[in-house]
N, C-alpha and C. Protein backbone atom coordinates (compact mmCIF):
# COMPACT_ATOMS: atom_id res chain seq x y z
N MET A 1 5.21 -15.06 -8.66
CA MET A 1 5.87 -14.39 -8.24
C MET A 1 4.77 -13.11 -7.56
N SER A 2 4.31 -13.18 -5.87
CA SER A 2 3.30 -12.33 -5.73
C SER A 2 3.50 -11.16 -5.80
N TYR A 3 2.97 -9.94 -6.39
CA TYR A 3 2.79 -8.97 -6.47
C TYR A 3 2.41 -8.33 -5.23
N THR A 4 2.23 -8.61 -4.40
CA THR A 4 1.43 -7.81 -2.81
C THR A 4 2.05 -8.97 -0.86
N PHE A 5 2.30 -8.03 -0.19
CA PHE A 5 2.44 -8.66 0.88
C PHE A 5 1.23 -9.06 1.48
N THR A 6 0.66 -9.97 1.90
CA THR A 6 -0.84 -9.59 2.38
C THR A 6 -0.69 -10.34 3.75
N ARG A 7 -1.89 -10.03 4.46
CA ARG A 7 -2.18 -10.36 5.79
C ARG A 7 -3.77 -10.30 5.90
N VAL A 8 -4.81 -11.30 6.68
CA VAL A 8 -6.06 -11.49 7.36
C VAL A 8 -5.59 -10.87 9.02
N LEU A 9 -6.61 -9.85 8.60
CA LEU A 9 -6.87 -9.47 9.65
C LEU A 9 -7.94 -9.92 10.35
N ASP A 10 -8.50 -10.65 11.66
CA ASP A 10 -9.79 -11.08 12.71
C ASP A 10 -9.88 -9.81 13.77
N ILE A 11 -10.71 -8.53 12.29
CA ILE A 11 -11.11 -7.14 12.81
C ILE A 11 -11.57 -7.03 12.14
N PRO A 12 -12.65 -5.70 12.11
CA PRO A 12 -13.22 -5.11 11.02
C PRO A 12 -13.26 -4.57 10.55
N PHE A 13 -13.14 -3.87 9.07
CA PHE A 13 -12.92 -3.25 8.48
C PHE A 13 -12.78 -1.68 8.38
N ASP A 14 -12.76 -0.81 9.80
CA ASP A 14 -12.90 0.02 9.97
C ASP A 14 -11.98 0.15 11.25
N GLN A 15 -11.88 -0.64 12.64
CA GLN A 15 -10.22 -0.99 12.47
C GLN A 15 -8.92 -0.83 11.97
N ALA A 16 -9.33 -2.41 10.96
CA ALA A 16 -7.44 -2.23 10.56
C ALA A 16 -7.51 -1.36 9.76
N VAL A 17 -8.38 -0.36 9.01
CA VAL A 17 -7.95 0.87 8.24
C VAL A 17 -6.94 1.96 9.73
N ASP A 18 -7.62 1.23 10.65
CA ASP A 18 -7.32 2.36 11.52
C ASP A 18 -5.47 1.98 12.30
N ARG A 19 -5.82 0.97 12.27
CA ARG A 19 -4.82 -0.43 12.30
C ARG A 19 -3.61 -0.28 11.51
N VAL A 20 -3.83 -0.40 10.18
CA VAL A 20 -2.37 -0.18 8.85
C VAL A 20 -2.01 0.76 8.96
N THR A 21 -3.23 2.31 9.31
CA THR A 21 -2.35 3.77 9.20
C THR A 21 -1.18 3.61 10.25
N ALA A 22 -1.99 3.84 10.89
CA ALA A 22 -1.00 4.40 12.52
C ALA A 22 0.39 3.31 12.67
N ALA A 23 0.64 1.96 11.91
CA ALA A 23 1.48 1.17 11.89
C ALA A 23 2.00 1.19 10.28
N LEU A 24 2.02 2.38 9.61
CA LEU A 24 2.65 2.77 8.29
C LEU A 24 3.31 4.28 8.93
N SER A 25 2.35 5.08 9.66
CA SER A 25 3.03 5.76 10.31
C SER A 25 4.38 5.80 11.22
N THR A 26 4.06 4.89 12.20
CA THR A 26 5.43 4.32 13.09
C THR A 26 6.46 3.96 12.09
N ALA A 27 6.69 3.29 10.74
CA ALA A 27 7.08 3.28 10.08
C ALA A 27 7.86 4.22 8.77
N GLY A 28 7.28 5.64 9.24
CA GLY A 28 7.63 6.61 8.73
C GLY A 28 7.03 6.93 7.35
N PHE A 29 6.17 6.32 7.05
CA PHE A 29 5.00 6.54 5.65
C PHE A 29 3.93 7.05 6.08
N GLY A 30 3.10 7.99 5.16
CA GLY A 30 2.02 8.86 5.53
C GLY A 30 1.10 8.63 4.62
N VAL A 31 -0.07 8.88 4.94
CA VAL A 31 -1.05 8.18 3.68
C VAL A 31 -1.34 9.81 2.81
N LEU A 32 -0.66 9.90 1.92
CA LEU A 32 -1.58 10.49 1.25
C LEU A 32 -2.55 10.83 0.09
N SER A 33 -2.69 9.23 -0.39
CA SER A 33 -4.32 8.96 -1.09
C SER A 33 -4.84 7.93 -0.11
N ASP A 34 -6.40 8.47 0.03
CA ASP A 34 -7.19 7.22 0.95
C ASP A 34 -8.45 7.11 -0.68
N ILE A 35 -8.64 5.87 -0.84
CA ILE A 35 -9.69 5.99 -2.09
C ILE A 35 -11.11 5.05 -1.97
N ASP A 36 -11.25 5.26 -1.86
CA ASP A 36 -13.08 4.87 -1.00
C ASP A 36 -13.44 3.98 -2.48
N VAL A 37 -12.86 2.17 -2.36
CA VAL A 37 -13.49 2.09 -4.55
C VAL A 37 -14.98 1.70 -4.23
N ALA A 38 -15.45 0.93 -2.86
CA ALA A 38 -17.27 0.51 -2.92
C ALA A 38 -17.46 1.71 -2.42
N ALA A 39 -17.08 3.11 -1.95
CA ALA A 39 -17.57 4.38 -2.52
C ALA A 39 -18.24 4.42 -4.59
N THR A 40 -16.81 4.65 -4.34
CA THR A 40 -16.65 5.19 -6.45
C THR A 40 -17.52 4.43 -6.96
N MET A 41 -17.57 2.93 -6.96
CA MET A 41 -18.39 1.97 -8.10
C MET A 41 -19.34 2.05 -7.02
N LYS A 42 -20.52 2.78 -6.03
CA LYS A 42 -21.49 2.26 -5.62
C LYS A 42 -22.07 3.35 -7.06
N LYS A 43 -21.13 4.59 -6.89
CA LYS A 43 -21.70 6.14 -7.16
C LYS A 43 -21.51 6.33 -8.73
N LYS A 44 -20.74 5.76 -9.31
CA LYS A 44 -20.40 5.38 -10.52
C LYS A 44 -21.38 4.38 -11.53
N LEU A 45 -21.65 3.42 -10.85
CA LEU A 45 -21.86 1.97 -11.69
C LEU A 45 -23.69 1.41 -10.65
N ASP A 46 -23.14 2.31 -9.71
CA ASP A 46 -24.67 1.59 -8.82
C ASP A 46 -24.34 0.45 -8.50
N ARG A 47 -23.31 -0.25 -7.86
CA ARG A 47 -23.30 -1.45 -7.76
C ARG A 47 -22.23 -1.40 -6.39
N ASP A 48 -22.99 -2.29 -5.88
CA ASP A 48 -22.91 -2.82 -3.81
C ASP A 48 -21.90 -3.15 -4.23
N MET A 49 -20.06 -3.30 -2.96
CA MET A 49 -19.55 -4.30 -2.84
C MET A 49 -18.90 -4.24 -1.94
N PRO A 50 -18.53 -4.72 -0.73
CA PRO A 50 -17.53 -4.77 0.30
C PRO A 50 -16.46 -3.89 0.86
N PRO A 51 -16.95 -3.24 2.03
CA PRO A 51 -15.80 -1.90 1.84
C PRO A 51 -14.48 -2.36 1.52
N TYR A 52 -13.71 -1.18 0.13
CA TYR A 52 -12.18 -1.65 -0.28
C TYR A 52 -11.83 0.05 0.03
N ARG A 53 -10.90 0.12 0.34
CA ARG A 53 -10.35 1.43 -0.05
C ARG A 53 -9.02 1.22 -0.51
N ILE A 54 -8.38 1.94 -0.89
CA ILE A 54 -6.97 1.65 -1.63
C ILE A 54 -6.21 3.26 -0.77
N LEU A 55 -5.05 2.93 -0.14
CA LEU A 55 -3.71 4.08 0.79
C LEU A 55 -2.64 3.67 -0.07
N GLY A 56 -2.33 5.57 -0.14
CA GLY A 56 -1.21 5.93 -1.24
C GLY A 56 -0.56 6.20 0.14
N ALA A 57 0.77 5.11 0.05
CA ALA A 57 0.99 5.19 1.53
C ALA A 57 2.98 5.88 0.56
N CYS A 58 3.32 6.67 1.43
CA CYS A 58 4.55 7.39 1.02
C CYS A 58 5.30 7.54 2.30
N ASN A 59 6.40 6.52 2.12
CA ASN A 59 8.39 7.43 3.32
C ASN A 59 8.97 8.44 2.60
N PRO A 60 8.57 9.83 2.38
CA PRO A 60 9.55 10.95 2.66
C PRO A 60 10.82 10.85 1.52
N GLN A 61 11.86 10.03 2.84
CA GLN A 61 12.76 10.22 2.79
C GLN A 61 13.19 8.90 1.01
N MET A 62 11.99 8.17 1.86
CA MET A 62 12.60 6.26 0.36
C MET A 62 12.01 7.29 -0.70
N ALA A 63 11.00 8.12 -0.39
CA ALA A 63 10.70 8.72 -2.57
C ALA A 63 10.97 9.33 -3.14
N TRP A 64 12.40 10.79 -2.77
CA TRP A 64 13.50 11.74 -2.11
C TRP A 64 14.47 11.12 -3.20
N GLN A 65 14.56 9.56 -2.51
CA GLN A 65 15.84 9.14 -2.58
C GLN A 65 15.56 8.38 -4.12
N ALA A 66 14.36 7.61 -4.40
CA ALA A 66 13.96 7.13 -5.89
C ALA A 66 13.85 8.32 -6.80
N LEU A 67 13.48 9.84 -6.49
CA LEU A 67 13.69 10.76 -7.72
C LEU A 67 14.58 11.61 -7.34
N GLU A 68 15.83 11.17 -6.92
CA GLU A 68 16.75 11.52 -7.17
C GLU A 68 17.36 10.95 -8.23
N VAL A 69 17.24 9.27 -8.06
CA VAL A 69 18.02 8.39 -8.57
C VAL A 69 17.66 8.12 -10.25
N GLU A 70 15.67 8.63 -10.34
CA GLU A 70 15.05 7.90 -11.00
C GLU A 70 13.62 8.80 -11.00
N PRO A 71 13.94 10.14 -11.89
CA PRO A 71 12.83 11.77 -12.19
C PRO A 71 11.50 10.66 -11.98
N ARG A 72 11.10 10.10 -13.25
CA ARG A 72 10.06 10.12 -13.15
C ARG A 72 9.02 8.96 -12.44
N ILE A 73 9.84 8.34 -11.73
CA ILE A 73 9.32 7.16 -10.94
C ILE A 73 8.36 7.96 -10.31
N GLY A 74 7.80 9.04 -9.80
CA GLY A 74 6.56 9.31 -9.13
C GLY A 74 5.75 8.73 -10.17
N ALA A 75 5.51 8.38 -11.44
CA ALA A 75 3.76 7.55 -11.49
C ALA A 75 4.43 6.53 -11.63
N MET A 76 4.82 5.86 -10.68
CA MET A 76 4.34 4.03 -9.96
C MET A 76 4.41 4.91 -8.51
N LEU A 77 4.29 5.80 -7.65
CA LEU A 77 4.80 6.45 -6.62
C LEU A 77 2.38 6.91 -6.45
N PRO A 78 2.22 6.79 -5.31
CA PRO A 78 3.10 6.02 -4.12
C PRO A 78 2.94 4.41 -3.92
N CYS A 79 3.45 4.03 -2.86
CA CYS A 79 2.98 2.58 -2.90
C CYS A 79 1.85 2.48 -2.52
N ASN A 80 0.58 1.54 -2.74
CA ASN A 80 -0.36 1.03 -2.25
C ASN A 80 -0.16 -0.05 -1.80
N VAL A 81 -1.14 0.53 -0.93
CA VAL A 81 -1.75 -0.45 0.26
C VAL A 81 -3.61 -0.75 -0.25
N ILE A 82 -3.47 -2.25 -0.20
CA ILE A 82 -5.35 -2.02 -0.07
C ILE A 82 -5.93 -2.12 1.14
N VAL A 83 -7.29 -2.10 1.47
CA VAL A 83 -7.82 -2.20 2.75
C VAL A 83 -9.03 -2.89 2.34
N ARG A 84 -9.57 -4.29 2.71
CA ARG A 84 -10.37 -4.78 2.09
C ARG A 84 -11.86 -6.08 2.99
N GLU A 85 -13.01 -5.61 3.20
CA GLU A 85 -13.71 -6.42 3.88
C GLU A 85 -13.22 -7.89 3.13
N THR A 86 -13.17 -8.81 4.17
CA THR A 86 -13.50 -10.47 3.38
C THR A 86 -14.56 -11.12 3.83
N GLY A 87 -16.06 -10.23 4.85
CA GLY A 87 -16.25 -11.31 5.69
C GLY A 87 -16.43 -11.54 7.26
N GLU A 88 -17.58 -11.95 8.14
CA GLU A 88 -16.77 -12.24 9.12
C GLU A 88 -16.09 -11.44 9.51
N GLY A 89 -16.10 -10.48 9.76
CA GLY A 89 -15.17 -9.52 11.05
C GLY A 89 -13.93 -10.02 10.99
N ARG A 90 -13.53 -10.16 8.78
CA ARG A 90 -12.29 -10.35 9.09
C ARG A 90 -11.80 -9.44 7.90
N THR A 91 -10.76 -8.67 7.71
CA THR A 91 -10.34 -8.01 6.67
C THR A 91 -9.07 -8.71 6.08
N GLU A 92 -8.86 -8.28 4.78
CA GLU A 92 -7.26 -8.62 4.42
C GLU A 92 -6.43 -6.44 3.93
N VAL A 93 -5.07 -6.97 3.68
CA VAL A 93 -4.85 -6.30 3.95
C VAL A 93 -3.77 -6.01 2.76
N SER A 94 -3.18 -6.13 1.98
CA SER A 94 -2.19 -6.28 0.45
C SER A 94 -1.21 -5.15 0.48
N ALA A 95 -0.12 -5.05 0.46
CA ALA A 95 0.90 -3.69 0.34
C ALA A 95 1.49 -4.93 -1.09
N ILE A 96 2.11 -3.75 -1.56
CA ILE A 96 2.28 -3.62 -3.30
C ILE A 96 3.56 -4.08 -2.86
N ASP A 97 4.67 -4.81 -3.97
CA ASP A 97 5.74 -5.44 -3.48
C ASP A 97 6.38 -4.67 -4.65
N PRO A 98 7.16 -3.25 -3.87
CA PRO A 98 8.16 -2.39 -4.46
C PRO A 98 9.10 -2.80 -5.26
N VAL A 99 9.65 -3.53 -5.26
CA VAL A 99 10.70 -4.21 -5.51
C VAL A 99 10.37 -4.57 -7.52
N VAL A 100 8.47 -5.95 -7.33
CA VAL A 100 7.77 -6.24 -7.89
C VAL A 100 7.66 -5.53 -9.09
N SER A 101 7.46 -4.31 -8.32
CA SER A 101 6.43 -2.97 -9.06
C SER A 101 8.18 -2.43 -10.18
N MET A 102 9.00 -1.95 -9.38
CA MET A 102 10.31 -1.49 -9.92
C MET A 102 10.82 -2.66 -11.51
N GLN A 103 10.92 -3.55 -11.10
CA GLN A 103 11.16 -4.50 -12.66
C GLN A 103 11.38 -4.40 -13.93
N GLY A 104 10.05 -2.88 -14.17
CA GLY A 104 9.96 -2.35 -15.48
C GLY A 104 10.70 -1.59 -15.36
N VAL A 105 11.91 -0.71 -14.86
CA VAL A 105 12.12 0.34 -14.60
C VAL A 105 13.26 -0.31 -15.43
N ASP A 106 14.13 0.57 -15.81
CA ASP A 106 15.42 0.14 -16.24
C ASP A 106 16.76 1.15 -15.83
N ASN A 107 16.72 0.86 -14.66
CA ASN A 107 17.69 2.06 -13.62
C ASN A 107 18.50 1.35 -12.09
N PRO A 108 19.18 0.91 -12.34
CA PRO A 108 19.76 0.05 -11.46
C PRO A 108 20.45 0.45 -10.07
N GLY A 109 20.53 1.87 -10.21
CA GLY A 109 19.99 2.42 -9.18
C GLY A 109 18.34 2.35 -8.44
N LEU A 110 17.47 2.02 -8.67
CA LEU A 110 16.06 2.03 -7.57
C LEU A 110 16.74 0.86 -6.58
N GLY A 111 16.49 -0.47 -7.33
CA GLY A 111 16.77 -1.68 -6.68
C GLY A 111 17.59 -1.35 -5.19
N PRO A 112 18.36 -0.88 -4.67
CA PRO A 112 18.51 -0.95 -3.46
C PRO A 112 17.45 -0.02 -2.60
N ILE A 113 17.15 1.34 -2.74
CA ILE A 113 15.46 1.80 -2.35
C ILE A 113 14.52 1.02 -2.78
N ALA A 114 13.87 0.47 -3.38
CA ALA A 114 12.82 -0.75 -3.93
C ALA A 114 13.29 -1.91 -2.72
N GLU A 115 14.29 -2.59 -2.29
CA GLU A 115 14.80 -3.38 -1.36
C GLU A 115 14.68 -2.89 0.35
N GLN A 116 14.85 -1.52 0.31
CA GLN A 116 14.48 -1.22 1.73
C GLN A 116 13.37 -0.72 1.70
N VAL A 117 12.32 -0.31 0.87
CA VAL A 117 11.07 0.21 0.60
C VAL A 117 10.33 -1.47 1.58
N ARG A 118 10.71 -2.32 0.15
CA ARG A 118 10.20 -3.63 0.85
C ARG A 118 10.47 -4.33 1.95
N THR A 119 11.54 -4.13 2.67
CA THR A 119 11.95 -4.60 3.86
C THR A 119 11.03 -4.03 5.07
N THR A 120 10.85 -2.13 4.78
CA THR A 120 9.39 -1.89 5.27
C THR A 120 8.42 -2.07 5.62
N LEU A 121 8.36 -2.62 4.24
CA LEU A 121 6.36 -2.62 4.31
C LEU A 121 6.21 -4.09 4.77
N ARG A 122 7.53 -4.81 4.74
CA ARG A 122 7.12 -6.21 5.46
C ARG A 122 7.03 -6.28 7.25
N GLU A 123 7.71 -5.13 7.15
CA GLU A 123 7.95 -5.30 8.46
C GLU A 123 6.53 -4.45 9.62
N VAL A 124 6.13 -3.95 8.59
CA VAL A 124 4.87 -3.24 8.86
C VAL A 124 3.60 -4.32 8.60
N MET A 125 3.43 -4.97 7.71
CA MET A 125 2.26 -5.96 7.75
C MET A 125 2.91 -7.24 8.79
N ASP A 126 4.39 -7.46 9.01
CA ASP A 126 4.44 -8.98 9.27
C ASP A 126 4.04 -8.13 11.21
N GLY A 127 3.54 -7.48 11.32
CA GLY A 127 3.95 -6.04 12.68
C GLY A 127 2.59 -6.10 12.85
N MET A 128 1.21 -6.58 12.14
CA MET A 128 0.10 -6.15 13.07
C MET A 128 -0.43 -7.10 13.03
């Protein structure tokens, strides 16, 4: 079972980040965090790697519903979307599958919310 939805785009990294951010916004998600993994690895380990960012995406309405059902679910939010350069002008985008990530939470009330987030994130990925 895969834990992400993945798509490879035939566009440069920075353009892919912009496209992902715009697609998430159109679907009602904001980017709450933006972690530049490559810059962090360079700074902390003096290691070079291709561009790699983790975008923490959150749909406020869906997050509110999840928090109402399970107050500690914030430990699993936001939904991470990675954007990483794979070479030759191609960029891979992967979004977490919230249904898979929620399997460890013993609260059946989260199921419909996770399914809604899954559907929306799949639509974002399919639309890029």
